[in-house]
Protein backbone atom coordinates (compact mmCIF):
# COMPACT_ATOMS: atom_id res chain seq x y z
CA MET A 1 -0.19 35.28 -2.91
CA LYS A 2 -2.15 33.44 -0.58
CA HIS A 3 -4.51 30.86 -0.94
CA PRO A 4 -6.88 30.88 2.24
CA ASP A 5 -9.66 29.15 0.39
CA PHE A 6 -7.72 25.98 -1.12
CA ALA A 7 -6.53 25.52 2.39
CA LYS A 8 -10.23 25.50 3.42
CA ARG A 9 -11.19 22.90 0.67
CA PHE A 10 -7.50 20.74 1.60
CA LYS A 11 -8.38 20.53 5.06
CA GLN A 12 -12.51 19.62 4.51
CA ALA A 13 -11.04 16.98 1.87
CA VAL A 14 -8.45 15.65 4.41
CA THR A 15 -11.38 15.22 7.24
CA HIS A 16 -13.73 13.50 5.01
CA ALA A 17 -11.38 10.89 3.63
CA GLY A 18 -11.06 9.99 7.42
CA VAL A 19 -6.79 9.81 6.61
CA GLU A 20 -4.56 10.40 9.66
CA ASP A 21 -4.42 14.42 9.52
CA THR A 22 -0.70 15.19 10.61
CA GLN A 23 2.14 16.87 8.42
CA GLU A 24 4.29 13.57 8.55
CA ALA A 25 1.23 11.06 7.58
CA LEU A 26 -0.28 13.59 4.98
CA ALA A 27 3.52 14.16 3.60
CA ARG A 28 3.73 10.08 3.21
CA LEU A 29 0.23 9.81 2.03
CA PHE A 30 1.10 12.24 -1.04
CA ASN A 31 4.79 11.96 -1.38
CA VAL A 32 5.37 15.13 -0.80
CA SER A 33 7.48 16.82 2.38
CA THR A 34 6.10 18.02 5.46
CA VAL A 35 7.14 21.68 4.21
CA THR A 36 4.81 21.13 1.63
CA ILE A 37 1.81 19.92 3.51
CA TRP A 38 2.49 22.94 5.94
CA SER A 39 2.02 25.61 3.16
CA TYR A 40 -1.00 23.80 1.70
CA ARG A 41 -2.64 23.77 5.06
CA ASN A 42 -2.05 27.80 5.40
CA GLY A 43 -2.88 28.37 1.81
CA GLU A 44 0.95 29.27 1.12
CA LYS A 45 1.18 27.66 -2.23
CA LEU A 46 -1.18 25.56 -4.81
CA PRO A 47 0.39 22.13 -5.70
CA ARG A 48 1.35 21.42 -9.03
CA MET A 49 -1.24 19.87 -11.38
CA SER A 50 0.66 16.45 -11.21
CA THR A 51 -0.06 16.79 -7.18
CA ALA A 52 -2.85 17.95 -7.13
CA THR A 53 -4.41 15.45 -9.18
CA ARG A 54 -2.61 12.68 -6.59
CA ILE A 55 -4.11 14.27 -3.97
CA ALA A 56 -8.01 14.75 -5.41
CA GLU A 57 -7.60 11.36 -6.12
CA THR A 58 -6.41 10.06 -2.92
CA LEU A 59 -8.93 12.38 -1.15
CA GLY A 60 -11.80 11.46 -3.20
CA VAL A 61 -12.65 14.98 -4.77
CA SER A 62 -11.98 16.46 -8.03
CA VAL A 63 -8.95 18.49 -8.90
CA ASP A 64 -11.07 21.05 -10.85
CA TRP A 65 -13.13 21.64 -7.18
CA LEU A 66 -9.68 21.11 -4.93
CA LEU A 67 -8.03 23.93 -7.08
CA THR A 68 -11.00 26.18 -7.75
CA GLY A 69 -14.25 24.79 -5.87
CA ALA A 70 -16.01 24.71 -9.18
CA GLY A 71 -15.94 20.35 -9.38
CA LYS A 72 -17.28 17.84 -7.19
CA GLY A 73 -16.19 17.90 -4.14
CA PRO A 74 -16.16 15.48 -0.53
CA GLY A 75 -19.09 12.91 -0.88
CA GLU A 76 -19.85 14.32 -4.89
CA LEU A 77 -18.30 11.47 -6.94
CA GLY A 78 -20.88 9.10 -7.09
CA ASN A 79 -22.16 7.33 -9.96
CA LYS A 80 -24.16 9.02 -12.79
CA GLU A 81 -27.31 6.55 -13.66
CA GLY A 82 -26.70 4.54 -16.09
CA SER A 83 -22.63 4.17 -15.55
CA ASN A 84 -20.39 0.93 -15.70
CA VAL A 85 -18.08 2.77 -13.53
CA VAL A 86 -18.28 2.05 -10.30
CA GLN A 87 -16.44 4.12 -6.96
CA GLY A 88 -13.09 2.41 -5.79
CA PRO A 89 -12.44 1.68 -2.49
CA ARG A 90 -11.20 4.65 -0.40
CA ILE A 91 -7.16 4.85 -0.57
CA GLN A 92 -5.82 4.18 2.86
CA GLY A 93 -2.46 5.79 1.80
CA ARG A 94 0.32 5.06 -0.20
CA ILE A 95 3.31 2.60 0.85
CA PRO A 96 6.69 2.17 -0.87
CA LEU A 97 7.38 -0.69 -3.78
CA ILE A 98 10.66 -1.67 -2.36
CA SER A 99 13.43 -4.46 -3.47
CA TRP A 100 13.46 -7.70 -2.05
CA VAL A 101 16.29 -6.78 -0.46
CA GLN A 102 15.16 -3.66 1.24
CA ALA A 103 12.34 -6.23 2.43
CA GLY A 104 14.59 -8.45 4.46
CA ALA A 105 15.53 -5.17 6.46
CA PHE A 106 11.73 -5.00 7.85
CA CYS A 107 11.93 -8.29 9.80
CA GLU A 108 14.05 -6.26 12.02
CA ALA A 109 13.59 -2.52 13.13
CA VAL A 110 14.03 -0.31 11.04
CA ASP A 111 13.81 4.06 10.37
CA LEU A 112 10.31 4.02 7.80
CA LEU A 113 11.59 4.65 4.30
CA ALA A 114 11.80 8.35 2.73
CA PRO A 115 9.78 9.15 -0.24
CA GLY A 116 13.45 8.79 -2.30
CA GLU A 117 14.25 5.12 -1.23
CA ALA A 118 11.70 3.41 -2.76
CA GLU A 119 10.95 2.26 -6.27
CA ALA A 120 7.65 4.02 -6.27
CA TRP A 121 4.84 4.96 -3.63
CA LEU A 122 1.50 2.95 -4.29
CA PRO A 123 -1.60 3.74 -3.17
CA CYS A 124 -3.60 1.15 -0.96
CA PRO A 125 -6.77 0.07 -0.68
CA THR A 126 -6.59 -1.26 3.06
CA ALA A 127 -5.84 -0.40 6.71
CA HIS A 128 -2.58 -1.03 7.31
CA SER A 129 0.23 0.46 9.80
CA ASP A 130 3.09 2.62 9.04
CA ARG A 131 5.67 0.06 8.30
CA ALA A 132 3.73 -1.52 5.57
CA TYR A 133 5.29 -1.81 2.12
CA ALA A 134 4.75 -3.54 -1.51
CA LEU A 135 6.92 -6.13 -3.51
CA ARG A 136 6.94 -7.09 -6.91
CA VAL A 137 6.33 -11.26 -7.10
CA THR A 138 9.14 -12.84 -8.98
CA GLY A 139 9.65 -16.56 -10.10
CA ASP A 140 6.54 -18.93 -10.51
CA SER A 141 6.60 -20.91 -7.04
CA MET A 142 3.70 -18.73 -6.02
CA THR A 143 1.44 -19.08 -9.36
CA SER A 144 -1.24 -21.64 -9.45
CA PRO A 145 -1.61 -24.32 -12.33
CA TYR A 146 -5.19 -24.87 -11.63
CA PRO A 147 -8.17 -22.33 -12.57
CA GLY A 148 -9.88 -20.64 -9.93
CA GLN A 149 -7.21 -21.20 -7.22
CA ARG A 150 -5.62 -18.17 -5.73
CA SER A 151 -2.61 -17.17 -7.71
CA TYR A 152 0.36 -14.62 -7.48
CA PRO A 153 2.12 -14.42 -11.00
CA GLU A 154 5.30 -13.11 -11.61
CA GLY A 155 4.97 -9.31 -11.70
CA THR A 156 2.42 -9.13 -9.37
CA ILE A 157 2.72 -6.33 -6.86
CA ILE A 158 1.64 -7.60 -3.59
CA PHE A 159 1.17 -5.22 -0.23
CA VAL A 160 2.68 -6.72 2.95
CA ASP A 161 2.75 -5.43 6.80
CA PRO A 162 4.96 -6.37 9.68
CA GLU A 163 2.40 -5.41 12.10
CA LYS A 164 0.00 -8.00 10.81
CA PRO A 165 -0.13 -11.36 12.65
CA LEU A 166 0.44 -14.58 11.37
CA THR A 167 -2.56 -17.07 10.99
CA ASN A 168 -2.29 -20.46 9.76
CA GLY A 169 -3.20 -20.41 5.96
CA CYS A 170 -1.99 -16.57 5.41
CA ARG A 171 0.34 -15.45 2.46
CA VAL A 172 3.38 -14.02 4.41
CA ILE A 173 7.08 -13.14 3.43
CA ALA A 174 9.97 -14.91 4.95
CA LYS A 175 13.38 -14.76 6.09
CA LEU A 176 15.74 -17.80 6.03
CA ASN A 177 19.13 -18.33 5.81
CA ASP A 178 19.30 -14.71 4.57
CA GLU A 179 16.97 -15.08 1.88
CA VAL A 180 13.53 -13.22 1.37
CA THR A 181 10.88 -15.21 0.17
CA PHE A 182 7.27 -15.71 -0.42
CA LYS A 183 4.99 -18.38 0.79
CA THR A 184 1.89 -19.88 2.85
CA TYR A 185 2.41 -20.12 6.11
CA ALA A 186 0.73 -23.00 7.77
CA GLU A 187 0.62 -25.42 10.73
CA ASP A 188 -0.14 -29.22 10.55
CA MET A 189 0.03 -31.64 13.94
CA GLY A 190 2.28 -29.07 16.02
CA ARG A 191 4.74 -28.20 13.00
CA THR A 192 5.20 -25.08 10.85
CA PHE A 193 5.68 -25.16 7.21
CA LEU A 194 6.25 -22.73 4.08
CA ARG A 195 4.28 -23.64 1.41
CA PRO A 196 4.19 -22.98 -2.60
CA ILE A 197 1.01 -22.87 -4.53
CA ASN A 198 2.69 -23.80 -7.19
CA PRO A 199 3.02 -28.09 -6.93
CA SER A 200 6.53 -28.38 -8.82
CA TYR A 201 7.91 -26.76 -5.77
CA PRO A 202 8.57 -28.44 -2.17
CA SER A 203 7.04 -27.34 1.14
CA MET A 204 9.76 -26.33 3.52
CA ASP A 205 9.38 -27.43 7.37
CA ILE A 206 10.42 -24.87 9.71
CA THR A 207 9.09 -25.82 13.08
CA ASP A 208 13.45 -26.08 13.94
CA MET A 209 14.85 -23.50 11.99
CA ASP A 210 15.78 -19.93 12.73
CA VAL A 211 12.85 -17.62 10.13
CA SER A 212 12.20 -14.27 10.74
CA PHE A 213 8.74 -12.92 9.18
CA CYS A 214 8.73 -10.19 7.58
CA GLY A 215 5.15 -8.92 7.24
CA VAL A 216 2.06 -10.65 6.23
CA ILE A 217 0.08 -10.06 3.21
CA LEU A 218 -2.98 -7.37 2.83
CA GLY A 219 -3.84 -8.00 -1.01
CA ALA A 220 -2.54 -7.67 -4.47
CA TYR A 221 -2.92 -7.12 -7.87
CA THR A 222 -1.34 -7.38 -11.20
CA PRO A 223 -0.76 -4.27 -13.31
CA ASP A 224 -1.47 -4.04 -16.69
């Protein structure tokens, strides 16, 4: 049984969301195969409810509209008057949550991860390259003891992009002596440093060291 109306709504939602409209990009975005994306585009089949929900949330439409046309379509999921719920940022794609060992590989030219090679694929609310990834913070070297200061406690999920350029004061993932670390990149008096946020840990002068940078932090969130 064909589903041409679903195919039309799927294409409409993709176009309105402004995401990259190729089979490969959509497959990564929704964590499905390119063959599955082809079947959606051509109305060959409907997604399972769990997949349909993920697609609808990512594209900013209701799952009812996506599957049947009866719910809220593109641009219609605004706030009701008096609601204290605000519309979140547009999801810019899903990126892999990987291990720190895998992160070290992103310091080199490597193939993109397949869906099964990551712990999970997380929605990212900011623009990023195809090589962006996420890490779960370990340890407390980037945890601030002072209220109001930016802090990344253990368990925080950080989004990292190897294509984002280094700037003084940015947070980075760096690899030195085969160890991957999360620190603040700093330039001072012609020298470069990796600095923790937690003052209990020392800064590291890396001016004359062989350091590879595996990416710059795009943002972070702390799971409940």
